[in-house]
């Protein structure tokens, strides 16, 4: 169990960092938030992989994906965060 959580954190950090590198613009988030971005992206990638390929049906649709799916999912989550979630309360 500890190895699974540690692996999820490491993959989350790598995927989140790559997503932050690939998405243009300044992203004002910390290293722990980058890990959260990668972990959430991993589950988004797992969900999209399940929808597209119908693999691992016994594990359900809410599952972590590999590094490639984590990066793709992290990019999607970061783009959504930049578009909708990064509002500071002031209107432009």
PDB file of N, CA and C in Angstrom:
ATOM      1  N   UNK A   1       0.822  -1.193   0.000  1.00  0.00           N
ATOM      2  CA  UNK A   1       0.000   0.000   0.000  1.00  0.00           C
ATOM      3  C   UNK A   1       0.867   1.258   0.000  1.00  0.00           C
ATOM      4  N   UNK A   2       1.939   1.261   0.815  1.00  0.00           N
ATOM      5  CA  UNK A   2       2.825   2.411   0.872  1.00  0.00           C
ATOM      6  C   UNK A   2       3.512   2.632  -0.474  1.00  0.00           C
ATOM      7  N   UNK A   3       3.920   1.544  -1.120  1.00  0.00           N
ATOM      8  CA  UNK A   3       4.560   1.641  -2.440  1.00  0.00           C
ATOM      9  C   UNK A   3       3.616   2.205  -3.482  1.00  0.00           C
ATOM     10  N   UNK A   4       2.346   1.835  -3.415  1.00  0.00           N
ATOM     11  CA  UNK A   4       1.351   2.343  -4.355  1.00  0.00           C
ATOM     12  C   UNK A   4       1.179   3.856  -4.179  1.00  0.00           C
ATOM     13  N   UNK A   5       1.075   4.314  -2.945  1.00  0.00           N
ATOM     14  CA  UNK A   5       0.887   5.737  -2.671  1.00  0.00           C
ATOM     15  C   UNK A   5       2.135   6.515  -3.078  1.00  0.00           C
ATOM     16  N   UNK A   6       3.315   5.985  -2.761  1.00  0.00           N
ATOM     17  CA  UNK A   6       4.558   6.644  -3.142  1.00  0.00           C
ATOM     18  C   UNK A   6       4.681   6.715  -4.667  1.00  0.00           C
ATOM     19  N   UNK A   7       4.327   5.644  -5.345  1.00  0.00           N
ATOM     20  CA  UNK A   7       4.352   5.639  -6.808  1.00  0.00           C
ATOM     21  C   UNK A   7       3.380   6.642  -7.401  1.00  0.00           C
ATOM     22  N   UNK A   8       2.210   6.754  -6.791  1.00  0.00           N
ATOM     23  CA  UNK A   8       1.220   7.719  -7.253  1.00  0.00           C
ATOM     24  C   UNK A   8       1.738   9.148  -7.089  1.00  0.00           C
ATOM     25  N   UNK A   9       2.430   9.410  -5.992  1.00  0.00           N
ATOM     26  CA  UNK A   9       2.990  10.744  -5.752  1.00  0.00           C
ATOM     27  C   UNK A   9       4.105  11.049  -6.747  1.00  0.00           C
ATOM     28  N   UNK A  10       4.990  10.096  -6.998  1.00  0.00           N
ATOM     29  CA  UNK A  10       6.098  10.318  -7.929  1.00  0.00           C
ATOM     30  C   UNK A  10       5.581  10.519  -9.348  1.00  0.00           C
ATOM     31  N   UNK A  11       4.662   9.659  -9.783  1.00  0.00           N
ATOM     32  CA  UNK A  11       4.082   9.813 -11.124  1.00  0.00           C
ATOM     33  C   UNK A  11       3.303  11.126 -11.207  1.00  0.00           C
ATOM     34  N   UNK A  12       2.618  11.495 -10.133  1.00  0.00           N
ATOM     35  CA  UNK A  12       1.894  12.759 -10.105  1.00  0.00           C
ATOM     36  C   UNK A  12       2.817  13.948 -10.253  1.00  0.00           C
ATOM     37  N   UNK A  13       3.957  13.917  -9.575  1.00  0.00           N
ATOM     38  CA  UNK A  13       4.926  15.007  -9.687  1.00  0.00           C
ATOM     39  C   UNK A  13       5.482  15.106 -11.095  1.00  0.00           C
ATOM     40  N   UNK A  14       5.844  13.975 -11.675  1.00  0.00           N
ATOM     41  CA  UNK A  14       6.398  13.972 -13.031  1.00  0.00           C
ATOM     42  C   UNK A  14       5.359  14.447 -14.043  1.00  0.00           C
ATOM     43  N   UNK A  15       4.160  13.893 -13.981  1.00  0.00           N
ATOM     44  CA  UNK A  15       3.111  14.259 -14.939  1.00  0.00           C
ATOM     45  C   UNK A  15       2.698  15.713 -14.767  1.00  0.00           C
ATOM     46  N   UNK A  16       2.568  16.185 -13.533  1.00  0.00           N
ATOM     47  CA  UNK A  16       2.204  17.575 -13.290  1.00  0.00           C
ATOM     48  C   UNK A  16       3.264  18.535 -13.785  1.00  0.00           C
ATOM     49  N   UNK A  17       4.532  18.198 -13.563  1.00  0.00           N
ATOM     50  CA  UNK A  17       5.622  19.054 -14.023  1.00  0.00           C
ATOM     51  C   UNK A  17       5.677  19.110 -15.549  1.00  0.00           C
ATOM     52  N   UNK A  18       5.499  17.982 -16.203  1.00  0.00           N
ATOM     53  CA  UNK A  18       5.503  17.971 -17.668  1.00  0.00           C
ATOM     54  C   UNK A  18       4.311  18.755 -18.214  1.00  0.00           C
ATOM     55  N   UNK A  19       3.146  18.609 -17.581  1.00  0.00           N
ATOM     56  CA  UNK A  19       1.965  19.369 -18.018  1.00  0.00           C
ATOM     57  C   UNK A  19       2.195  20.864 -17.856  1.00  0.00           C
ATOM     58  N   UNK A  20       2.789  21.278 -16.739  1.00  0.00           N
ATOM     59  CA  UNK A  20       3.077  22.694 -16.527  1.00  0.00           C
ATOM     60  C   UNK A  20       4.079  23.206 -17.549  1.00  0.00           C
ATOM     61  N   UNK A  21       5.010  22.360 -17.973  1.00  0.00           N
ATOM     62  CA  UNK A  21       5.994  22.739 -18.976  1.00  0.00           C
ATOM     63  C   UNK A  21       5.350  22.878 -20.357  1.00  0.00           C
ATOM     64  N   UNK A  22       4.410  21.988 -20.681  1.00  0.00           N
ATOM     65  CA  UNK A  22       3.819  21.971 -22.016  1.00  0.00           C
ATOM     66  C   UNK A  22       2.711  22.989 -22.219  1.00  0.00           C
ATOM     67  N   UNK A  23       1.993  23.347 -21.175  1.00  0.00           N
ATOM     68  CA  UNK A  23       0.903  24.318 -21.298  1.00  0.00           C
ATOM     69  C   UNK A  23       1.504  25.719 -21.192  1.00  0.00           C
ATOM     70  N   UNK A  24       1.307  26.553 -22.224  1.00  0.00           N
ATOM     71  CA  UNK A  24       1.923  27.878 -22.189  1.00  0.00           C
ATOM     72  C   UNK A  24       1.295  28.784 -21.136  1.00  0.00           C
ATOM     73  N   UNK A  25       2.068  29.747 -20.682  1.00  0.00           N
ATOM     74  CA  UNK A  25       1.597  30.704 -19.695  1.00  0.00           C
ATOM     75  C   UNK A  25       2.230  30.452 -18.345  1.00  0.00           C
ATOM     76  N   UNK A  26       2.002  31.398 -17.443  1.00  0.00           N
ATOM     77  CA  UNK A  26       2.542  31.286 -16.089  1.00  0.00           C
ATOM     78  C   UNK A  26       1.515  30.595 -15.197  1.00  0.00           C
ATOM     79  N   UNK A  27       1.960  29.588 -14.471  1.00  0.00           N
ATOM     80  CA  UNK A  27       1.091  28.834 -13.584  1.00  0.00           C
ATOM     81  C   UNK A  27       1.587  29.035 -12.159  1.00  0.00           C
ATOM     82  N   UNK A  28       0.842  29.742 -11.386  1.00  0.00           N
ATOM     83  CA  UNK A  28       1.230  30.090 -10.029  1.00  0.00           C
ATOM     84  C   UNK A  28       0.765  29.018  -9.046  1.00  0.00           C
ATOM     85  N   UNK A  29       1.352  27.816  -9.145  1.00  0.00           N
ATOM     86  CA  UNK A  29       0.998  26.750  -8.219  1.00  0.00           C
ATOM     87  C   UNK A  29       2.276  26.176  -7.626  1.00  0.00           C
ATOM     88  N   UNK A  30       2.168  25.666  -6.417  1.00  0.00           N
ATOM     89  CA  UNK A  30       3.318  25.147  -5.686  1.00  0.00           C
ATOM     90  C   UNK A  30       3.631  23.704  -6.099  1.00  0.00           C
ATOM     91  N   UNK A  31       4.696  23.173  -5.537  1.00  0.00           N
ATOM     92  CA  UNK A  31       5.070  21.781  -5.820  1.00  0.00           C
ATOM     93  C   UNK A  31       4.010  20.799  -5.316  1.00  0.00           C
ATOM     94  N   UNK A  32       3.461  20.969  -4.084  1.00  0.00           N
ATOM     95  CA  UNK A  32       2.386  20.050  -3.678  1.00  0.00           C
ATOM     96  C   UNK A  32       1.157  20.132  -4.596  1.00  0.00           C
ATOM     97  N   UNK A  33       0.839  21.318  -5.080  1.00  0.00           N
ATOM     98  CA  UNK A  33      -0.290  21.439  -6.012  1.00  0.00           C
ATOM     99  C   UNK A  33       0.043  20.820  -7.366  1.00  0.00           C
ATOM    100  N   UNK A  34       1.330  20.831  -7.753  1.00  0.00           N
ATOM    101  CA  UNK A  34       1.752  20.147  -8.977  1.00  0.00           C
ATOM    102  C   UNK A  34       1.551  18.645  -8.827  1.00  0.00           C
ATOM    103  N   UNK A  35       1.846  18.108  -7.640  1.00  0.00           N
ATOM    104  CA  UNK A  35       1.614  16.681  -7.374  1.00  0.00           C
ATOM    105  C   UNK A  35       0.124  16.372  -7.443  1.00  0.00           C
ATOM    106  N   UNK A  36      -0.685  17.226  -6.834  1.00  0.00           N
ATOM    107  CA  UNK A  36      -2.147  17.032  -6.881  1.00  0.00           C
ATOM    108  C   UNK A  36      -2.635  17.093  -8.325  1.00  0.00           C
ATOM    109  N   UNK A  37      -2.109  18.040  -9.100  1.00  0.00           N
ATOM    110  CA  UNK A  37      -2.456  18.147 -10.516  1.00  0.00           C
ATOM    111  C   UNK A  37      -2.151  16.844 -11.240  1.00  0.00           C
ATOM    112  N   UNK A  38      -0.978  16.278 -10.999  1.00  0.00           N
ATOM    113  CA  UNK A  38      -0.596  15.030 -11.649  1.00  0.00           C
ATOM    114  C   UNK A  38      -1.437  13.842 -11.211  1.00  0.00           C
ATOM    115  N   UNK A  39      -1.758  13.769  -9.924  1.00  0.00           N
ATOM    116  CA  UNK A  39      -2.579  12.653  -9.426  1.00  0.00           C
ATOM    117  C   UNK A  39      -3.994  12.747  -9.986  1.00  0.00           C
ATOM    118  N   UNK A  40      -4.576  13.943  -9.955  1.00  0.00           N
ATOM    119  CA  UNK A  40      -5.917  14.123 -10.536  1.00  0.00           C
ATOM    120  C   UNK A  40      -5.866  13.843 -12.030  1.00  0.00           C
ATOM    121  N   UNK A  41      -4.814  14.306 -12.685  1.00  0.00           N
ATOM    122  CA  UNK A  41      -4.640  14.027 -14.115  1.00  0.00           C
ATOM    123  C   UNK A  41      -4.509  12.548 -14.405  1.00  0.00           C
ATOM    124  N   UNK A  42      -3.902  11.814 -13.495  1.00  0.00           N
ATOM    125  CA  UNK A  42      -3.778  10.374 -13.667  1.00  0.00           C
ATOM    126  C   UNK A  42      -5.142   9.692 -13.664  1.00  0.00           C
ATOM    127  N   UNK A  43      -6.004  10.128 -12.760  1.00  0.00           N
ATOM    128  CA  UNK A  43      -7.346   9.548 -12.725  1.00  0.00           C
ATOM    129  C   UNK A  43      -8.182   9.996 -13.921  1.00  0.00           C
ATOM    130  N   UNK A  44      -7.990  11.227 -14.365  1.00  0.00           N
ATOM    131  CA  UNK A  44      -8.681  11.696 -15.579  1.00  0.00           C
ATOM    132  C   UNK A  44      -8.200  10.884 -16.775  1.00  0.00           C
ATOM    133  N   UNK A  45      -6.889  10.670 -16.868  1.00  0.00           N
ATOM    134  CA  UNK A  45      -6.347   9.844 -17.952  1.00  0.00           C
ATOM    135  C   UNK A  45      -6.845   8.414 -17.893  1.00  0.00           C
ATOM    136  N   UNK A  46      -6.966   7.864 -16.689  1.00  0.00           N
ATOM    137  CA  UNK A  46      -7.509   6.511 -16.546  1.00  0.00           C
ATOM    138  C   UNK A  46      -8.956   6.433 -16.976  1.00  0.00           C
ATOM    139  N   UNK A  47      -9.733   7.459 -16.630  1.00  0.00           N
ATOM    140  CA  UNK A  47     -11.137   7.497 -17.034  1.00  0.00           C
ATOM    141  C   UNK A  47     -11.269   7.611 -18.550  1.00  0.00           C
ATOM    142  N   UNK A  48     -10.461   8.496 -19.158  1.00  0.00           N
ATOM    143  CA  UNK A  48     -10.516   8.643 -20.614  1.00  0.00           C
ATOM    144  C   UNK A  48     -10.035   7.377 -21.321  1.00  0.00           C
ATOM    145  N   UNK A  49      -8.998   6.744 -20.765  1.00  0.00           N
ATOM    146  CA  UNK A  49      -8.527   5.483 -21.337  1.00  0.00           C
ATOM    147  C   UNK A  49      -9.591   4.403 -21.278  1.00  0.00           C
ATOM    148  N   UNK A  50     -10.333   4.364 -20.175  1.00  0.00           N
ATOM    149  CA  UNK A  50     -11.416   3.392 -20.055  1.00  0.00           C
ATOM    150  C   UNK A  50     -12.519   3.689 -21.070  1.00  0.00           C
ATOM    151  N   UNK A  51     -12.850   4.970 -21.228  1.00  0.00           N
ATOM    152  CA  UNK A  51     -13.898   5.329 -22.189  1.00  0.00           C
ATOM    153  C   UNK A  51     -13.493   5.020 -23.629  1.00  0.00           C
ATOM    154  N   UNK A  52     -12.236   5.258 -23.957  1.00  0.00           N
ATOM    155  CA  UNK A  52     -11.783   5.060 -25.334  1.00  0.00           C
ATOM    156  C   UNK A  52     -11.515   3.604 -25.678  1.00  0.00           C
ATOM    157  N   UNK A  53     -10.880   2.874 -24.769  1.00  0.00           N
ATOM    158  CA  UNK A  53     -10.399   1.536 -25.106  1.00  0.00           C
ATOM    159  C   UNK A  53     -11.124   0.405 -24.400  1.00  0.00           C
ATOM    160  N   UNK A  54     -11.948   0.714 -23.410  1.00  0.00           N
ATOM    161  CA  UNK A  54     -12.702  -0.283 -22.644  1.00  0.00           C
ATOM    162  C   UNK A  54     -11.796  -1.364 -22.052  1.00  0.00           C
ATOM    163  N   UNK A  55     -10.597  -0.960 -21.664  1.00  0.00           N
ATOM    164  CA  UNK A  55      -9.660  -1.886 -21.022  1.00  0.00           C
ATOM    165  C   UNK A  55      -9.849  -1.822 -19.517  1.00  0.00           C
ATOM    166  N   UNK A  56      -9.464  -2.849 -18.836  1.00  0.00           N
ATOM    167  CA  UNK A  56      -9.535  -2.943 -17.375  1.00  0.00           C
ATOM    168  C   UNK A  56     -10.941  -2.677 -16.861  1.00  0.00           C
ATOM    169  N   UNK A  57     -11.915  -3.307 -17.470  1.00  0.00           N
ATOM    170  CA  UNK A  57     -13.291  -3.140 -17.035  1.00  0.00           C
ATOM    171  C   UNK A  57     -13.544  -3.656 -15.634  1.00  0.00           C
ATOM    172  N   UNK A  58     -12.748  -4.620 -15.181  1.00  0.00           N
ATOM    173  CA  UNK A  58     -12.935  -5.152 -13.842  1.00  0.00           C
ATOM    174  C   UNK A  58     -12.508  -4.151 -12.772  1.00  0.00           C
ATOM    175  N   UNK A  59     -11.627  -3.195 -13.126  1.00  0.00           N
ATOM    176  CA  UNK A  59     -11.159  -2.206 -12.157  1.00  0.00           C
ATOM    177  C   UNK A  59     -12.094  -1.004 -12.098  1.00  0.00           C
ATOM    178  N   UNK A  60     -13.000  -0.886 -13.040  1.00  0.00           N
ATOM    179  CA  UNK A  60     -13.924   0.239 -13.041  1.00  0.00           C
ATOM    180  C   UNK A  60     -13.397   1.408 -13.835  1.00  0.00           C
ATOM    181  N   UNK A  61     -14.214   2.418 -13.971  1.00  0.00           N
ATOM    182  CA  UNK A  61     -13.824   3.557 -14.791  1.00  0.00           C
ATOM    183  C   UNK A  61     -12.992   4.564 -14.025  1.00  0.00           C
ATOM    184  N   UNK A  62     -12.934   4.500 -12.707  1.00  0.00           N
ATOM    185  CA  UNK A  62     -12.168   5.443 -11.907  1.00  0.00           C
ATOM    186  C   UNK A  62     -10.896   4.750 -11.447  1.00  0.00           C
ATOM    187  N   UNK A  63      -9.835   4.863 -12.252  1.00  0.00           N
ATOM    188  CA  UNK A  63      -8.596   4.169 -11.977  1.00  0.00           C
ATOM    189  C   UNK A  63      -7.422   5.026 -12.431  1.00  0.00           C
ATOM    190  N   UNK A  64      -6.267   4.866 -11.820  1.00  0.00           N
ATOM    191  CA  UNK A  64      -5.099   5.613 -12.280  1.00  0.00           C
ATOM    192  C   UNK A  64      -4.587   5.047 -13.601  1.00  0.00           C
ATOM    193  N   UNK A  65      -3.961   5.904 -14.386  1.00  0.00           N
ATOM    194  CA  UNK A  65      -3.412   5.454 -15.656  1.00  0.00           C
ATOM    195  C   UNK A  65      -1.894   5.431 -15.579  1.00  0.00           C
ATOM    196  N   UNK A  66      -1.262   5.065 -16.667  1.00  0.00           N
ATOM    197  CA  UNK A  66       0.189   5.084 -16.739  1.00  0.00           C
ATOM    198  C   UNK A  66       0.706   6.505 -16.897  1.00  0.00           C
ATOM    199  N   UNK A  67       1.988   6.629 -17.158  1.00  0.00           N
ATOM    200  CA  UNK A  67       2.599   7.948 -17.218  1.00  0.00           C
ATOM    201  C   UNK A  67       2.071   8.760 -18.396  1.00  0.00           C
ATOM    202  N   UNK A  68       1.875   8.136 -19.551  1.00  0.00           N
ATOM    203  CA  UNK A  68       1.362   8.868 -20.709  1.00  0.00           C
ATOM    204  C   UNK A  68      -0.061   9.357 -20.466  1.00  0.00           C
ATOM    205  N   UNK A  69      -0.908   8.502 -19.957  1.00  0.00           N
ATOM    206  CA  UNK A  69      -2.275   8.913 -19.635  1.00  0.00           C
ATOM    207  C   UNK A  69      -2.313   9.965 -18.548  1.00  0.00           C
ATOM    208  N   UNK A  70      -1.366   9.876 -17.603  1.00  0.00           N
ATOM    209  CA  UNK A  70      -1.286  10.880 -16.538  1.00  0.00           C
ATOM    210  C   UNK A  70      -0.907  12.242 -17.089  1.00  0.00           C
ATOM    211  N   UNK A  71       0.015  12.264 -18.038  1.00  0.00           N
ATOM    212  CA  UNK A  71       0.417  13.534 -18.646  1.00  0.00           C
ATOM    213  C   UNK A  71      -0.733  14.136 -19.426  1.00  0.00           C
ATOM    214  N   UNK A  72      -1.411  13.331 -20.226  1.00  0.00           N
ATOM    215  CA  UNK A  72      -2.554  13.823 -21.002  1.00  0.00           C
ATOM    216  C   UNK A  72      -3.656  14.323 -20.064  1.00  0.00           C
ATOM    217  N   UNK A  73      -3.963  13.560 -19.052  1.00  0.00           N
ATOM    218  CA  UNK A  73      -4.974  13.978 -18.084  1.00  0.00           C
ATOM    219  C   UNK A  73      -4.570  15.237 -17.345  1.00  0.00           C
ATOM    220  N   UNK A  74      -3.287  15.368 -16.998  1.00  0.00           N
ATOM    221  CA  UNK A  74      -2.807  16.566 -16.307  1.00  0.00           C
ATOM    222  C   UNK A  74      -2.894  17.799 -17.189  1.00  0.00           C
ATOM    223  N   UNK A  75      -2.604  17.638 -18.462  1.00  0.00           N
ATOM    224  CA  UNK A  75      -2.740  18.767 -19.400  1.00  0.00           C
ATOM    225  C   UNK A  75      -4.192  19.203 -19.472  1.00  0.00           C
ATOM    226  N   UNK A  76      -5.107  18.252 -19.545  1.00  0.00           N
ATOM    227  CA  UNK A  76      -6.538  18.588 -19.597  1.00  0.00           C
ATOM    228  C   UNK A  76      -6.966  19.303 -18.319  1.00  0.00           C
ATOM    229  N   UNK A  77      -6.558  18.784 -17.163  1.00  0.00           N
ATOM    230  CA  UNK A  77      -6.929  19.410 -15.886  1.00  0.00           C
ATOM    231  C   UNK A  77      -6.325  20.807 -15.778  1.00  0.00           C
ATOM    232  N   UNK A  78      -5.072  20.969 -16.190  1.00  0.00           N
ATOM    233  CA  UNK A  78      -4.432  22.286 -16.118  1.00  0.00           C
ATOM    234  C   UNK A  78      -5.095  23.285 -17.057  1.00  0.00           C
ATOM    235  N   UNK A  79      -5.452  22.857 -18.253  1.00  0.00           N
ATOM    236  CA  UNK A  79      -6.159  23.756 -19.179  1.00  0.00           C
ATOM    237  C   UNK A  79      -7.515  24.175 -18.612  1.00  0.00           C
ATOM    238  N   UNK A  80      -8.216  23.237 -17.991  1.00  0.00           N
ATOM    239  CA  UNK A  80      -9.492  23.584 -17.355  1.00  0.00           C
ATOM    240  C   UNK A  80      -9.280  24.529 -16.176  1.00  0.00           C
ATOM    241  N   UNK A  81      -8.201  24.325 -15.421  1.00  0.00           N
ATOM    242  CA  UNK A  81      -7.902  25.205 -14.291  1.00  0.00           C
ATOM    243  C   UNK A  81      -7.588  26.624 -14.769  1.00  0.00           C
ATOM    244  N   UNK A  82      -6.803  26.728 -15.843  1.00  0.00           N
ATOM    245  CA  UNK A  82      -6.464  28.044 -16.385  1.00  0.00           C
ATOM    246  C   UNK A  82      -7.714  28.733 -16.914  1.00  0.00           C
ATOM    247  N   UNK A  83      -8.586  27.972 -17.552  1.00  0.00           N
ATOM    248  CA  UNK A  83      -9.785  28.555 -18.158  1.00  0.00           C
ATOM    249  C   UNK A  83     -10.846  28.920 -17.130  1.00  0.00           C
ATOM    250  N   UNK A  84     -11.128  28.036 -16.168  1.00  0.00           N
ATOM    251  CA  UNK A  84     -12.274  28.230 -15.277  1.00  0.00           C
ATOM    252  C   UNK A  84     -11.915  28.422 -13.803  1.00  0.00           C
ATOM    253  N   UNK A  85     -10.875  27.801 -13.326  1.00  0.00           N
ATOM    254  CA  UNK A  85     -10.642  27.762 -11.896  1.00  0.00           C
ATOM    255  C   UNK A  85      -9.713  28.814 -11.349  1.00  0.00           C
ATOM    256  N   UNK A  86      -9.076  29.562 -12.189  1.00  0.00           N
ATOM    257  CA  UNK A  86      -8.064  30.496 -11.733  1.00  0.00           C
ATOM    258  C   UNK A  86      -8.625  31.913 -11.623  1.00  0.00           C
ATOM    259  N   UNK A  87      -9.827  32.049 -11.165  1.00  0.00           N
ATOM    260  CA  UNK A  87     -10.447  33.361 -11.024  1.00  0.00           C
ATOM    261  C   UNK A  87     -10.126  33.912  -9.651  1.00  0.00           C
ATOM    262  N   UNK A  88      -9.629  35.131  -9.608  1.00  0.00           N
ATOM    263  CA  UNK A  88      -9.233  35.727  -8.316  1.00  0.00           C
ATOM    264  C   UNK A  88     -10.316  36.621  -7.743  1.00  0.00           C
ATOM    265  N   UNK A  89     -11.480  36.618  -8.290  1.00  0.00           N
ATOM    266  CA  UNK A  89     -12.572  37.417  -7.753  1.00  0.00           C
ATOM    267  C   UNK A  89     -12.747  38.736  -8.467  1.00  0.00           C
ATOM    268  N   UNK A  90     -11.784  39.120  -9.285  1.00  0.00           N
ATOM    269  CA  UNK A  90     -11.922  40.383 -10.019  1.00  0.00           C
ATOM    270  C   UNK A  90     -12.322  40.095 -11.451  1.00  0.00           C
ATOM    271  N   UNK A  91     -13.108  40.978 -11.993  1.00  0.00           N
ATOM    272  CA  UNK A  91     -13.548  40.800 -13.389  1.00  0.00           C
ATOM    273  C   UNK A  91     -12.592  41.541 -14.307  1.00  0.00           C
ATOM    274  N   UNK A  92     -12.413  40.982 -15.478  1.00  0.00           N
ATOM    275  CA  UNK A  92     -11.536  41.597 -16.474  1.00  0.00           C
ATOM    276  C   UNK A  92     -12.332  42.341 -17.498  1.00  0.00           C
TER     277      UNK A  92
END
